[in-house]
Amino acid sequence: MYTKKCLLYEAEISQRSLHQSEVSSSSQARQKLEGLLNKNMRIRMTDGRTLVGLFLCTDRDCNVILGSAQEFLKSTDTFSQSEPRVLGLAMIPGHHVVSIEVEADSLDDTQGFGANH
């Protein structure tokens, strides 16, 4: 009887510590995401377009809101750089996001638009 109670108590403690670690990692992820707010981002989309703008918001479906966004079309000619189209506020559905990069000036620990997140 004593052993059974000890095992139940140990299981309860490990369950609590597991829950606390999940909450801890969740709050760490939230802090990292909050640190990216108002940073310049480049988002590549499934249709080849690239949007550049300020990261304002996201949700659990990975939809992203960019402010002061500009759209760059995928060019067929590698030598020509198309002019950006000014969008302003843009919502990118999460299922269309291929990659997200953060501008180096926005973060201290990255180099250029090379930090994939």
PDB file of N, CA and C in Angstrom:
ATOM      1  N   MET A   1       0.831  -1.191   0.000  1.00  0.00           N
ATOM      2  CA  MET A   1       0.000   0.000   0.000  1.00  0.00           C
ATOM      3  C   MET A   1       0.872   1.250   0.000  1.00  0.00           C
ATOM      4  N   TYR A   2       1.945   1.238   0.814  1.00  0.00           N
ATOM      5  CA  TYR A   2       2.831   2.395   0.895  1.00  0.00           C
ATOM      6  C   TYR A   2       3.520   2.629  -0.446  1.00  0.00           C
ATOM      7  N   THR A   3       3.970   1.585  -1.100  1.00  0.00           N
ATOM      8  CA  THR A   3       4.653   1.696  -2.380  1.00  0.00           C
ATOM      9  C   THR A   3       3.722   2.256  -3.444  1.00  0.00           C
ATOM     10  N   LYS A   4       2.478   1.817  -3.432  1.00  0.00           N
ATOM     11  CA  LYS A   4       1.511   2.299  -4.410  1.00  0.00           C
ATOM     12  C   LYS A   4       1.283   3.799  -4.232  1.00  0.00           C
ATOM     13  N   LYS A   5       1.170   4.270  -2.980  1.00  0.00           N
ATOM     14  CA  LYS A   5       0.977   5.696  -2.726  1.00  0.00           C
ATOM     15  C   LYS A   5       2.196   6.489  -3.167  1.00  0.00           C
ATOM     16  N   CYS A   6       3.393   5.961  -2.910  1.00  0.00           N
ATOM     17  CA  CYS A   6       4.619   6.645  -3.327  1.00  0.00           C
ATOM     18  C   CYS A   6       4.679   6.782  -4.843  1.00  0.00           C
ATOM     19  N   LEU A   7       4.342   5.707  -5.542  1.00  0.00           N
ATOM     20  CA  LEU A   7       4.370   5.745  -7.004  1.00  0.00           C
ATOM     21  C   LEU A   7       3.353   6.742  -7.543  1.00  0.00           C
ATOM     22  N   LEU A   8       2.164   6.768  -6.954  1.00  0.00           N
ATOM     23  CA  LEU A   8       1.158   7.731  -7.384  1.00  0.00           C
ATOM     24  C   LEU A   8       1.629   9.160  -7.124  1.00  0.00           C
ATOM     25  N   TYR A   9       2.257   9.391  -5.980  1.00  0.00           N
ATOM     26  CA  TYR A   9       2.759  10.718  -5.639  1.00  0.00           C
ATOM     27  C   TYR A   9       3.867  11.133  -6.611  1.00  0.00           C
ATOM     28  N   GLU A  10       4.787  10.199  -6.914  1.00  0.00           N
ATOM     29  CA  GLU A  10       5.866  10.492  -7.860  1.00  0.00           C
ATOM     30  C   GLU A  10       5.313  10.779  -9.250  1.00  0.00           C
ATOM     31  N   ALA A  11       4.298  10.038  -9.658  1.00  0.00           N
ATOM     32  CA  ALA A  11       3.675  10.265 -10.966  1.00  0.00           C
ATOM     33  C   ALA A  11       3.016  11.647 -11.007  1.00  0.00           C
ATOM     34  N   GLU A  12       2.383  12.019  -9.897  1.00  0.00           N
ATOM     35  CA  GLU A  12       1.735  13.333  -9.827  1.00  0.00           C
ATOM     36  C   GLU A  12       2.773  14.449  -9.891  1.00  0.00           C
ATOM     37  N   ILE A  13       3.887  14.284  -9.204  1.00  0.00           N
ATOM     38  CA  ILE A  13       4.956  15.291  -9.228  1.00  0.00           C
ATOM     39  C   ILE A  13       5.543  15.411 -10.636  1.00  0.00           C
ATOM     40  N   SER A  14       5.816  14.277 -11.285  1.00  0.00           N
ATOM     41  CA  SER A  14       6.391  14.336 -12.633  1.00  0.00           C
ATOM     42  C   SER A  14       5.395  14.946 -13.617  1.00  0.00           C
ATOM     43  N   GLN A  15       4.107  14.698 -13.421  1.00  0.00           N
ATOM     44  CA  GLN A  15       3.069  15.300 -14.267  1.00  0.00           C
ATOM     45  C   GLN A  15       3.058  16.813 -14.092  1.00  0.00           C
ATOM     46  N   ARG A  16       3.188  17.283 -12.849  1.00  0.00           N
ATOM     47  CA  ARG A  16       3.221  18.726 -12.583  1.00  0.00           C
ATOM     48  C   ARG A  16       4.460  19.362 -13.203  1.00  0.00           C
ATOM     49  N   SER A  17       5.619  18.710 -13.064  1.00  0.00           N
ATOM     50  CA  SER A  17       6.849  19.273 -13.620  1.00  0.00           C
ATOM     51  C   SER A  17       6.787  19.291 -15.144  1.00  0.00           C
ATOM     52  N   LEU A  18       6.167  18.272 -15.765  1.00  0.00           N
ATOM     53  CA  LEU A  18       5.991  18.256 -17.209  1.00  0.00           C
ATOM     54  C   LEU A  18       5.111  19.422 -17.645  1.00  0.00           C
ATOM     55  N   HIS A  19       4.024  19.655 -16.930  1.00  0.00           N
ATOM     56  CA  HIS A  19       3.132  20.772 -17.242  1.00  0.00           C
ATOM     57  C   HIS A  19       3.862  22.109 -17.084  1.00  0.00           C
ATOM     58  N   GLN A  20       4.679  22.240 -16.028  1.00  0.00           N
ATOM     59  CA  GLN A  20       5.424  23.475 -15.808  1.00  0.00           C
ATOM     60  C   GLN A  20       6.440  23.697 -16.919  1.00  0.00           C
ATOM     61  N   SER A  21       7.091  22.637 -17.398  1.00  0.00           N
ATOM     62  CA  SER A  21       8.064  22.795 -18.482  1.00  0.00           C
ATOM     63  C   SER A  21       7.365  23.174 -19.779  1.00  0.00           C
ATOM     64  N   GLU A  22       6.138  22.630 -20.007  1.00  0.00           N
ATOM     65  CA  GLU A  22       5.376  23.018 -21.194  1.00  0.00           C
ATOM     66  C   GLU A  22       5.006  24.494 -21.124  1.00  0.00           C
ATOM     67  N   VAL A  23       4.567  24.954 -19.963  1.00  0.00           N
ATOM     68  CA  VAL A  23       4.220  26.360 -19.771  1.00  0.00           C
ATOM     69  C   VAL A  23       5.460  27.219 -19.938  1.00  0.00           C
ATOM     70  N   SER A  24       6.587  26.753 -19.409  1.00  0.00           N
ATOM     71  CA  SER A  24       7.840  27.482 -19.519  1.00  0.00           C
ATOM     72  C   SER A  24       8.263  27.625 -20.973  1.00  0.00           C
ATOM     73  N   SER A  25       8.242  26.539 -21.752  1.00  0.00           N
ATOM     74  CA  SER A  25       8.642  26.616 -23.154  1.00  0.00           C
ATOM     75  C   SER A  25       7.653  27.444 -23.952  1.00  0.00           C
ATOM     76  N   SER A  26       6.380  27.384 -23.579  1.00  0.00           N
ATOM     77  CA  SER A  26       5.375  28.195 -24.246  1.00  0.00           C
ATOM     78  C   SER A  26       5.624  29.677 -23.991  1.00  0.00           C
ATOM     79  N   SER A  27       5.968  30.026 -22.761  1.00  0.00           N
ATOM     80  CA  SER A  27       6.221  31.433 -22.453  1.00  0.00           C
ATOM     81  C   SER A  27       7.522  31.904 -23.094  1.00  0.00           C
ATOM     82  N   GLN A  28       8.518  31.011 -23.235  1.00  0.00           N
ATOM     83  CA  GLN A  28       9.751  31.369 -23.929  1.00  0.00           C
ATOM     84  C   GLN A  28       9.478  31.635 -25.404  1.00  0.00           C
ATOM     85  N   ALA A  29       8.657  30.797 -26.017  1.00  0.00           N
ATOM     86  CA  ALA A  29       8.306  30.993 -27.422  1.00  0.00           C
ATOM     87  C   ALA A  29       7.539  32.296 -27.599  1.00  0.00           C
ATOM     88  N   ARG A  30       6.652  32.570 -26.665  1.00  0.00           N
ATOM     89  CA  ARG A  30       5.874  33.816 -26.726  1.00  0.00           C
ATOM     90  C   ARG A  30       6.793  35.029 -26.602  1.00  0.00           C
ATOM     91  N   GLN A  31       7.773  34.963 -25.690  1.00  0.00           N
ATOM     92  CA  GLN A  31       8.713  36.064 -25.518  1.00  0.00           C
ATOM     93  C   GLN A  31       9.539  36.275 -26.786  1.00  0.00           C
ATOM     94  N   LYS A  32       9.964  35.191 -27.413  1.00  0.00           N
ATOM     95  CA  LYS A  32      10.735  35.304 -28.645  1.00  0.00           C
ATOM     96  C   LYS A  32       9.887  35.938 -29.745  1.00  0.00           C
ATOM     97  N   LEU A  33       8.645  35.519 -29.845  1.00  0.00           N
ATOM     98  CA  LEU A  33       7.737  36.073 -30.840  1.00  0.00           C
ATOM     99  C   LEU A  33       7.464  37.545 -30.574  1.00  0.00           C
ATOM    100  N   GLU A  34       7.266  37.895 -29.309  1.00  0.00           N
ATOM    101  CA  GLU A  34       7.043  39.299 -28.949  1.00  0.00           C
ATOM    102  C   GLU A  34       8.269  40.149 -29.265  1.00  0.00           C
ATOM    103  N   GLY A  35       9.463  39.550 -29.178  1.00  0.00           N
ATOM    104  CA  GLY A  35      10.685  40.259 -29.517  1.00  0.00           C
ATOM    105  C   GLY A  35      10.789  40.578 -31.004  1.00  0.00           C
ATOM    106  N   LEU A  36      10.025  39.864 -31.828  1.00  0.00           N
ATOM    107  CA  LEU A  36      10.045  40.107 -33.273  1.00  0.00           C
ATOM    108  C   LEU A  36       9.033  41.160 -33.714  1.00  0.00           C
ATOM    109  N   LEU A  37       8.155  41.578 -32.807  1.00  0.00           N
ATOM    110  CA  LEU A  37       7.159  42.586 -33.160  1.00  0.00           C
ATOM    111  C   LEU A  37       7.831  43.864 -33.640  1.00  0.00           C
ATOM    112  N   ASN A  38       7.274  44.458 -34.675  1.00  0.00           N
ATOM    113  CA  ASN A  38       7.748  45.708 -35.284  1.00  0.00           C
ATOM    114  C   ASN A  38       9.139  45.584 -35.899  1.00  0.00           C
ATOM    115  N   LYS A  39       9.557  44.365 -36.225  1.00  0.00           N
ATOM    116  CA  LYS A  39      10.827  44.137 -36.927  1.00  0.00           C
ATOM    117  C   LYS A  39      10.526  43.943 -38.409  1.00  0.00           C
ATOM    118  N   ASN A  40      11.466  44.351 -39.260  1.00  0.00           N
ATOM    119  CA  ASN A  40      11.307  44.144 -40.700  1.00  0.00           C
ATOM    120  C   ASN A  40      11.483  42.679 -41.037  1.00  0.00           C
ATOM    121  N   MET A  41      10.537  42.151 -41.832  1.00  0.00           N
ATOM    122  CA  MET A  41      10.571  40.746 -42.231  1.00  0.00           C
ATOM    123  C   MET A  41      10.376  40.614 -43.721  1.00  0.00           C
ATOM    124  N   ARG A  42      10.929  39.546 -44.250  1.00  0.00           N
ATOM    125  CA  ARG A  42      10.705  39.172 -45.647  1.00  0.00           C
ATOM    126  C   ARG A  42      10.014  37.819 -45.619  1.00  0.00           C
ATOM    127  N   ILE A  43       8.844  37.745 -46.247  1.00  0.00           N
ATOM    128  CA  ILE A  43       8.069  36.498 -46.277  1.00  0.00           C
ATOM    129  C   ILE A  43       7.946  36.032 -47.719  1.00  0.00           C
ATOM    130  N   ARG A  44       8.435  34.826 -47.990  1.00  0.00           N
ATOM    131  CA  ARG A  44       8.284  34.231 -49.310  1.00  0.00           C
ATOM    132  C   ARG A  44       7.026  33.377 -49.300  1.00  0.00           C
ATOM    133  N   MET A  45       6.272  33.480 -50.394  1.00  0.00           N
ATOM    134  CA  MET A  45       4.983  32.789 -50.467  1.00  0.00           C
ATOM    135  C   MET A  45       5.013  31.683 -51.521  1.00  0.00           C
ATOM    136  N   THR A  46       4.049  30.783 -51.447  1.00  0.00           N
ATOM    137  CA  THR A  46       4.000  29.622 -52.330  1.00  0.00           C
ATOM    138  C   THR A  46       3.869  29.996 -53.799  1.00  0.00           C
ATOM    139  N   ASP A  47       3.290  31.141 -54.107  1.00  0.00           N
ATOM    140  CA  ASP A  47       3.109  31.543 -55.510  1.00  0.00           C
ATOM    141  C   ASP A  47       4.310  32.310 -56.066  1.00  0.00           C
ATOM    142  N   GLY A  48       5.394  32.414 -55.264  1.00  0.00           N
ATOM    143  CA  GLY A  48       6.604  33.061 -55.747  1.00  0.00           C
ATOM    144  C   GLY A  48       6.752  34.515 -55.344  1.00  0.00           C
ATOM    145  N   ARG A  49       5.688  35.105 -54.831  1.00  0.00           N
ATOM    146  CA  ARG A  49       5.786  36.500 -54.396  1.00  0.00           C
ATOM    147  C   ARG A  49       6.564  36.591 -53.090  1.00  0.00           C
ATOM    148  N   THR A  50       7.142  37.771 -52.860  1.00  0.00           N
ATOM    149  CA  THR A  50       7.831  38.065 -51.615  1.00  0.00           C
ATOM    150  C   THR A  50       7.262  39.351 -51.051  1.00  0.00           C
ATOM    151  N   LEU A  51       6.896  39.333 -49.782  1.00  0.00           N
ATOM    152  CA  LEU A  51       6.404  40.528 -49.106  1.00  0.00           C
ATOM    153  C   LEU A  51       7.419  40.955 -48.065  1.00  0.00           C
ATOM    154  N   VAL A  52       7.679  42.256 -48.013  1.00  0.00           N
ATOM    155  CA  VAL A  52       8.593  42.820 -47.027  1.00  0.00           C
ATOM    156  C   VAL A  52       7.829  43.880 -46.252  1.00  0.00           C
ATOM    157  N   GLY A  53       7.888  43.809 -44.913  1.00  0.00           N
ATOM    158  CA  GLY A  53       7.192  44.789 -44.092  1.00  0.00           C
ATOM    159  C   GLY A  53       7.449  44.553 -42.619  1.00  0.00           C
ATOM    160  N   LEU A  54       6.768  45.337 -41.790  1.00  0.00           N
ATOM    161  CA  LEU A  54       6.912  45.235 -40.335  1.00  0.00           C
ATOM    162  C   LEU A  54       5.992  44.149 -39.796  1.00  0.00           C
ATOM    163  N   PHE A  55       6.545  43.259 -38.989  1.00  0.00           N
ATOM    164  CA  PHE A  55       5.771  42.193 -38.362  1.00  0.00           C
ATOM    165  C   PHE A  55       4.888  42.801 -37.274  1.00  0.00           C
ATOM    166  N   LEU A  56       3.586  42.697 -37.449  1.00  0.00           N
ATOM    167  CA  LEU A  56       2.648  43.282 -36.488  1.00  0.00           C
ATOM    168  C   LEU A  56       1.894  42.244 -35.675  1.00  0.00           C
ATOM    169  N   CYS A  57       1.598  41.085 -36.281  1.00  0.00           N
ATOM    170  CA  CYS A  57       0.700  40.158 -35.593  1.00  0.00           C
ATOM    171  C   CYS A  57       0.761  38.783 -36.246  1.00  0.00           C
ATOM    172  N   THR A  58       0.455  37.766 -35.453  1.00  0.00           N
ATOM    173  CA  THR A  58       0.255  36.414 -35.972  1.00  0.00           C
ATOM    174  C   THR A  58      -0.811  35.735 -35.114  1.00  0.00           C
ATOM    175  N   ASP A  59      -1.242  34.560 -35.524  1.00  0.00           N
ATOM    176  CA  ASP A  59      -2.227  33.815 -34.740  1.00  0.00           C
ATOM    177  C   ASP A  59      -1.858  32.339 -34.732  1.00  0.00           C
ATOM    178  N   ARG A  60      -2.690  31.528 -34.124  1.00  0.00           N
ATOM    179  CA  ARG A  60      -2.352  30.103 -33.980  1.00  0.00           C
ATOM    180  C   ARG A  60      -2.358  29.358 -35.306  1.00  0.00           C
ATOM    181  N   ASP A  61      -2.952  29.932 -36.357  1.00  0.00           N
ATOM    182  CA  ASP A  61      -2.935  29.311 -37.680  1.00  0.00           C
ATOM    183  C   ASP A  61      -1.750  29.781 -38.519  1.00  0.00           C
ATOM    184  N   CYS A  62      -0.848  30.540 -37.897  1.00  0.00           N
ATOM    185  CA  CYS A  62       0.362  31.067 -38.545  1.00  0.00           C
ATOM    186  C   CYS A  62       0.074  32.121 -39.605  1.00  0.00           C
ATOM    187  N   ASN A  63      -1.120  32.710 -39.586  1.00  0.00           N
ATOM    188  CA  ASN A  63      -1.384  33.856 -40.439  1.00  0.00           C
ATOM    189  C   ASN A  63      -0.533  35.003 -39.921  1.00  0.00           C
ATOM    190  N   VAL A  64      -0.035  35.839 -40.828  1.00  0.00           N
ATOM    191  CA  VAL A  64       0.861  36.925 -40.448  1.00  0.00           C
ATOM    192  C   VAL A  64       0.309  38.247 -40.974  1.00  0.00           C
ATOM    193  N   ILE A  65       0.381  39.282 -40.147  1.00  0.00           N
ATOM    194  CA  ILE A  65       0.019  40.641 -40.568  1.00  0.00           C
ATOM    195  C   ILE A  65       1.306  41.450 -40.673  1.00  0.00           C
ATOM    196  N   LEU A  66       1.537  42.050 -41.841  1.00  0.00           N
ATOM    197  CA  LEU A  66       2.671  42.936 -42.049  1.00  0.00           C
ATOM    198  C   LEU A  66       2.155  44.352 -42.276  1.00  0.00           C
ATOM    199  N   GLY A  67       2.821  45.325 -41.661  1.00  0.00           N
ATOM    200  CA  GLY A  67       2.505  46.726 -41.883  1.00  0.00           C
ATOM    201  C   GLY A  67       3.510  47.337 -42.835  1.00  0.00           C
ATOM    202  N   SER A  68       3.104  48.378 -43.548  1.00  0.00           N
ATOM    203  CA  SER A  68       3.961  49.054 -44.531  1.00  0.00           C
ATOM    204  C   SER A  68       4.576  48.040 -45.500  1.00  0.00           C
ATOM    205  N   ALA A  69       3.760  47.098 -45.936  1.00  0.00           N
ATOM    206  CA  ALA A  69       4.239  45.987 -46.757  1.00  0.00           C
ATOM    207  C   ALA A  69       4.435  46.390 -48.214  1.00  0.00           C
ATOM    208  N   GLN A  70       5.460  45.790 -48.803  1.00  0.00           N
ATOM    209  CA  GLN A  70       5.719  45.925 -50.226  1.00  0.00           C
ATOM    210  C   GLN A  70       5.771  44.525 -50.820  1.00  0.00           C
ATOM    211  N   GLU A  71       5.237  44.397 -52.031  1.00  0.00           N
ATOM    212  CA  GLU A  71       5.195  43.109 -52.710  1.00  0.00           C
ATOM    213  C   GLU A  71       6.202  43.106 -53.852  1.00  0.00           C
ATOM    214  N   PHE A  72       6.989  42.037 -53.925  1.00  0.00           N
ATOM    215  CA  PHE A  72       7.927  41.838 -55.016  1.00  0.00           C
ATOM    216  C   PHE A  72       7.496  40.590 -55.763  1.00  0.00           C
ATOM    217  N   LEU A  73       7.277  40.720 -57.064  1.00  0.00           N
ATOM    218  CA  LEU A  73       6.859  39.577 -57.870  1.00  0.00           C
ATOM    219  C   LEU A  73       8.062  38.742 -58.261  1.00  0.00           C
ATOM    220  N   LYS A  74       7.828  37.471 -58.445  1.00  0.00           N
ATOM    221  CA  LYS A  74       8.881  36.566 -58.911  1.00  0.00           C
ATOM    222  C   LYS A  74       9.138  36.882 -60.373  1.00  0.00           C
ATOM    223  N   SER A  75      10.364  37.297 -60.673  1.00  0.00           N
ATOM    224  CA  SER A  75      10.663  37.658 -62.059  1.00  0.00           C
ATOM    225  C   SER A  75      11.129  36.434 -62.827  1.00  0.00           C
ATOM    226  N   THR A  76      10.755  36.375 -64.113  1.00  0.00           N
ATOM    227  CA  THR A  76      11.183  35.270 -64.966  1.00  0.00           C
ATOM    228  C   THR A  76      12.597  35.520 -65.466  1.00  0.00           C
ATOM    229  N   ASP A  77      12.991  36.784 -65.548  1.00  0.00           N
ATOM    230  CA  ASP A  77      14.338  37.155 -65.982  1.00  0.00           C
ATOM    231  C   ASP A  77      15.176  37.434 -64.739  1.00  0.00           C
ATOM    232  N   THR A  78      16.264  36.708 -64.570  1.00  0.00           N
ATOM    233  CA  THR A  78      17.080  36.845 -63.366  1.00  0.00           C
ATOM    234  C   THR A  78      17.821  38.176 -63.304  1.00  0.00           C
ATOM    235  N   PHE A  79      17.970  38.851 -64.462  1.00  0.00           N
ATOM    236  CA  PHE A  79      18.710  40.107 -64.495  1.00  0.00           C
ATOM    237  C   PHE A  79      17.830  41.313 -64.168  1.00  0.00           C
ATOM    238  N   SER A  80      16.529  41.179 -64.282  1.00  0.00           N
ATOM    239  CA  SER A  80      15.658  42.332 -64.034  1.00  0.00           C
ATOM    240  C   SER A  80      15.107  42.275 -62.618  1.00  0.00           C
ATOM    241  N   GLN A  81      15.137  43.407 -61.953  1.00  0.00           N
ATOM    242  CA  GLN A  81      14.575  43.534 -60.607  1.00  0.00           C
ATOM    243  C   GLN A  81      13.311  44.382 -60.725  1.00  0.00           C
ATOM    244  N   SER A  82      12.178  43.790 -60.452  1.00  0.00           N
ATOM    245  CA  SER A  82      10.918  44.518 -60.600  1.00  0.00           C
ATOM    246  C   SER A  82      10.751  45.546 -59.487  1.00  0.00           C
ATOM    247  N   GLU A  83      10.002  46.580 -59.793  1.00  0.00           N
ATOM    248  CA  GLU A  83       9.685  47.601 -58.791  1.00  0.00           C
ATOM    249  C   GLU A  83       8.684  47.014 -57.797  1.00  0.00           C
ATOM    250  N   PRO A  84       8.850  47.354 -56.527  1.00  0.00           N
ATOM    251  CA  PRO A  84       7.891  46.828 -55.541  1.00  0.00           C
ATOM    252  C   PRO A  84       6.529  47.497 -55.684  1.00  0.00           C
ATOM    253  N   ARG A  85       5.506  46.763 -55.330  1.00  0.00           N
ATOM    254  CA  ARG A  85       4.155  47.307 -55.282  1.00  0.00           C
ATOM    255  C   ARG A  85       3.844  47.569 -53.816  1.00  0.00           C
ATOM    256  N   VAL A  86       3.453  48.790 -53.492  1.00  0.00           N
ATOM    257  CA  VAL A  86       3.153  49.154 -52.108  1.00  0.00           C
ATOM    258  C   VAL A  86       1.764  48.632 -51.747  1.00  0.00           C
ATOM    259  N   LEU A  87       1.708  47.821 -50.689  1.00  0.00           N
ATOM    260  CA  LEU A  87       0.442  47.247 -50.237  1.00  0.00           C
ATOM    261  C   LEU A  87      -0.090  47.924 -48.980  1.00  0.00           C
ATOM    262  N   GLY A  88       0.798  48.386 -48.132  1.00  0.00           N
ATOM    263  CA  GLY A  88       0.362  48.917 -46.836  1.00  0.00           C
ATOM    264  C   GLY A  88       0.206  47.778 -45.848  1.00  0.00           C
ATOM    265  N   LEU A  89      -1.001  47.614 -45.313  1.00  0.00           N
ATOM    266  CA  LEU A  89      -1.282  46.535 -44.363  1.00  0.00           C
ATOM    267  C   LEU A  89      -1.644  45.274 -45.144  1.00  0.00           C
ATOM    268  N   ALA A  90      -0.958  44.171 -44.864  1.00  0.00           N
ATOM    269  CA  ALA A  90      -1.192  42.934 -45.620  1.00  0.00           C
ATOM    270  C   ALA A  90      -1.324  41.754 -44.670  1.00  0.00           C
ATOM    271  N   MET A  91      -2.258  40.857 -45.006  1.00  0.00           N
ATOM    272  CA  MET A  91      -2.431  39.623 -44.247  1.00  0.00           C
ATOM    273  C   MET A  91      -2.012  38.465 -45.136  1.00  0.00           C
ATOM    274  N   ILE A  92      -1.071  37.652 -44.628  1.00  0.00           N
ATOM    275  CA  ILE A  92      -0.583  36.498 -45.371  1.00  0.00           C
ATOM    276  C   ILE A  92      -1.109  35.245 -44.692  1.00  0.00           C
ATOM    277  N   PRO A  93      -1.929  34.452 -45.386  1.00  0.00           N
ATOM    278  CA  PRO A  93      -2.409  33.207 -44.782  1.00  0.00           C
ATOM    279  C   PRO A  93      -1.244  32.267 -44.492  1.00  0.00           C
ATOM    280  N   GLY A  94      -1.270  31.631 -43.341  1.00  0.00           N
ATOM    281  CA  GLY A  94      -0.181  30.762 -42.915  1.00  0.00           C
ATOM    282  C   GLY A  94       0.131  29.644 -43.880  1.00  0.00           C
ATOM    283  N   HIS A  95      -0.874  29.103 -44.554  1.00  0.00           N
ATOM    284  CA  HIS A  95      -0.622  27.986 -45.466  1.00  0.00           C
ATOM    285  C   HIS A  95       0.066  28.438 -46.760  1.00  0.00           C
ATOM    286  N   HIS A  96       0.213  29.748 -46.979  1.00  0.00           N
ATOM    287  CA  HIS A  96       0.931  30.260 -48.149  1.00  0.00           C
ATOM    288  C   HIS A  96       2.371  30.656 -47.825  1.00  0.00           C
ATOM    289  N   VAL A  97       2.754  30.614 -46.558  1.00  0.00           N
ATOM    290  CA  VAL A  97       4.099  31.025 -46.152  1.00  0.00           C
ATOM    291  C   VAL A  97       5.093  29.899 -46.428  1.00  0.00           C
ATOM    292  N   VAL A  98       6.153  30.237 -47.166  1.00  0.00           N
ATOM    293  CA  VAL A  98       7.229  29.284 -47.437  1.00  0.00           C
ATOM    294  C   VAL A  98       8.377  29.526 -46.470  1.00  0.00           C
ATOM    295  N   SER A  99       8.771  30.805 -46.307  1.00  0.00           N
ATOM    296  CA  SER A  99       9.845  31.131 -45.370  1.00  0.00           C
ATOM    297  C   SER A  99       9.663  32.541 -44.846  1.00  0.00           C
ATOM    298  N   ILE A 100      10.217  32.761 -43.658  1.00  0.00           N
ATOM    299  CA  ILE A 100      10.200  34.075 -43.031  1.00  0.00           C
ATOM    300  C   ILE A 100      11.626  34.405 -42.633  1.00  0.00           C
ATOM    301  N   GLU A 101      12.080  35.591 -43.013  1.00  0.00           N
ATOM    302  CA  GLU A 101      13.428  36.045 -42.668  1.00  0.00           C
ATOM    303  C   GLU A 101      13.319  37.388 -41.969  1.00  0.00           C
ATOM    304  N   VAL A 102      14.185  37.606 -40.988  1.00  0.00           N
ATOM    305  CA  VAL A 102      14.184  38.843 -40.220  1.00  0.00           C
ATOM    306  C   VAL A 102      15.388  39.675 -40.641  1.00  0.00           C
ATOM    307  N   GLU A 103      15.170  40.983 -40.835  1.00  0.00           N
ATOM    308  CA  GLU A 103      16.240  41.880 -41.259  1.00  0.00           C
ATOM    309  C   GLU A 103      17.280  42.027 -40.155  1.00  0.00           C
ATOM    310  N   ALA A 104      18.557  42.095 -40.527  1.00  0.00           N
ATOM    311  CA  ALA A 104      19.665  42.158 -39.566  1.00  0.00           C
ATOM    312  C   ALA A 104      19.621  43.416 -38.719  1.00  0.00           C
ATOM    313  N   ASP A 105      19.234  44.546 -39.294  1.00  0.00           N
ATOM    314  CA  ASP A 105      19.164  45.785 -38.521  1.00  0.00           C
ATOM    315  C   ASP A 105      18.157  45.672 -37.387  1.00  0.00           C
ATOM    316  N   SER A 106      17.189  44.767 -37.539  1.00  0.00           N
ATOM    317  CA  SER A 106      16.154  44.595 -36.530  1.00  0.00           C
ATOM    318  C   SER A 106      16.620  43.736 -35.361  1.00  0.00           C
ATOM    319  N   LEU A 107      17.564  42.838 -35.620  1.00  0.00           N
ATOM    320  CA  LEU A 107      18.048  41.923 -34.585  1.00  0.00           C
ATOM    321  C   LEU A 107      19.550  42.076 -34.426  1.00  0.00           C
ATOM    322  N   ASP A 108      20.043  41.908 -33.222  1.00  0.00           N
ATOM    323  CA  ASP A 108      21.469  42.027 -32.961  1.00  0.00           C
ATOM    324  C   ASP A 108      22.243  40.788 -33.347  1.00  0.00           C
ATOM    325  N   ASP A 109      21.612  39.600 -33.280  1.00  0.00           N
ATOM    326  CA  ASP A 109      22.340  38.347 -33.433  1.00  0.00           C
ATOM    327  C   ASP A 109      22.223  37.711 -34.814  1.00  0.00           C
ATOM    328  N   THR A 110      21.811  38.470 -35.854  1.00  0.00           N
ATOM    329  CA  THR A 110      21.684  37.888 -37.181  1.00  0.00           C
ATOM    330  C   THR A 110      22.453  38.718 -38.201  1.00  0.00           C
ATOM    331  N   GLN A 111      22.664  38.156 -39.363  1.00  0.00           N
ATOM    332  CA  GLN A 111      23.368  38.815 -40.456  1.00  0.00           C
ATOM    333  C   GLN A 111      22.420  38.929 -41.650  1.00  0.00           C
ATOM    334  N   GLY A 112      22.044  40.131 -42.021  1.00  0.00           N
ATOM    335  CA  GLY A 112      21.221  40.370 -43.218  1.00  0.00           C
ATOM    336  C   GLY A 112      19.855  39.718 -43.135  1.00  0.00           C
ATOM    337  N   PHE A 113      19.250  39.519 -44.281  1.00  0.00           N
ATOM    338  CA  PHE A 113      17.961  38.862 -44.353  1.00  0.00           C
ATOM    339  C   PHE A 113      18.147  37.349 -44.319  1.00  0.00           C
ATOM    340  N   GLY A 114      19.234  36.874 -43.732  1.00  0.00           N
ATOM    341  CA  GLY A 114      19.561  35.453 -43.779  1.00  0.00           C
ATOM    342  C   GLY A 114      19.041  34.626 -42.636  1.00  0.00           C
ATOM    343  N   ALA A 115      18.441  35.225 -41.614  1.00  0.00           N
ATOM    344  CA  ALA A 115      18.022  34.439 -40.448  1.00  0.00           C
ATOM    345  C   ALA A 115      16.625  33.899 -40.664  1.00  0.00           C
ATOM    346  N   ASN A 116      16.503  32.639 -41.044  1.00  0.00           N
ATOM    347  CA  ASN A 116      15.195  32.022 -41.229  1.00  0.00           C
ATOM    348  C   ASN A 116      14.570  31.737 -39.884  1.00  0.00           C
ATOM    349  N   HIS A 117      13.274  32.035 -39.773  1.00  0.00           N
ATOM    350  CA  HIS A 117      12.518  31.769 -38.536  1.00  0.00           C
ATOM    351  C   HIS A 117      11.216  31.135 -38.849  1.00  0.00           C
TER     352      HIS A 117
END
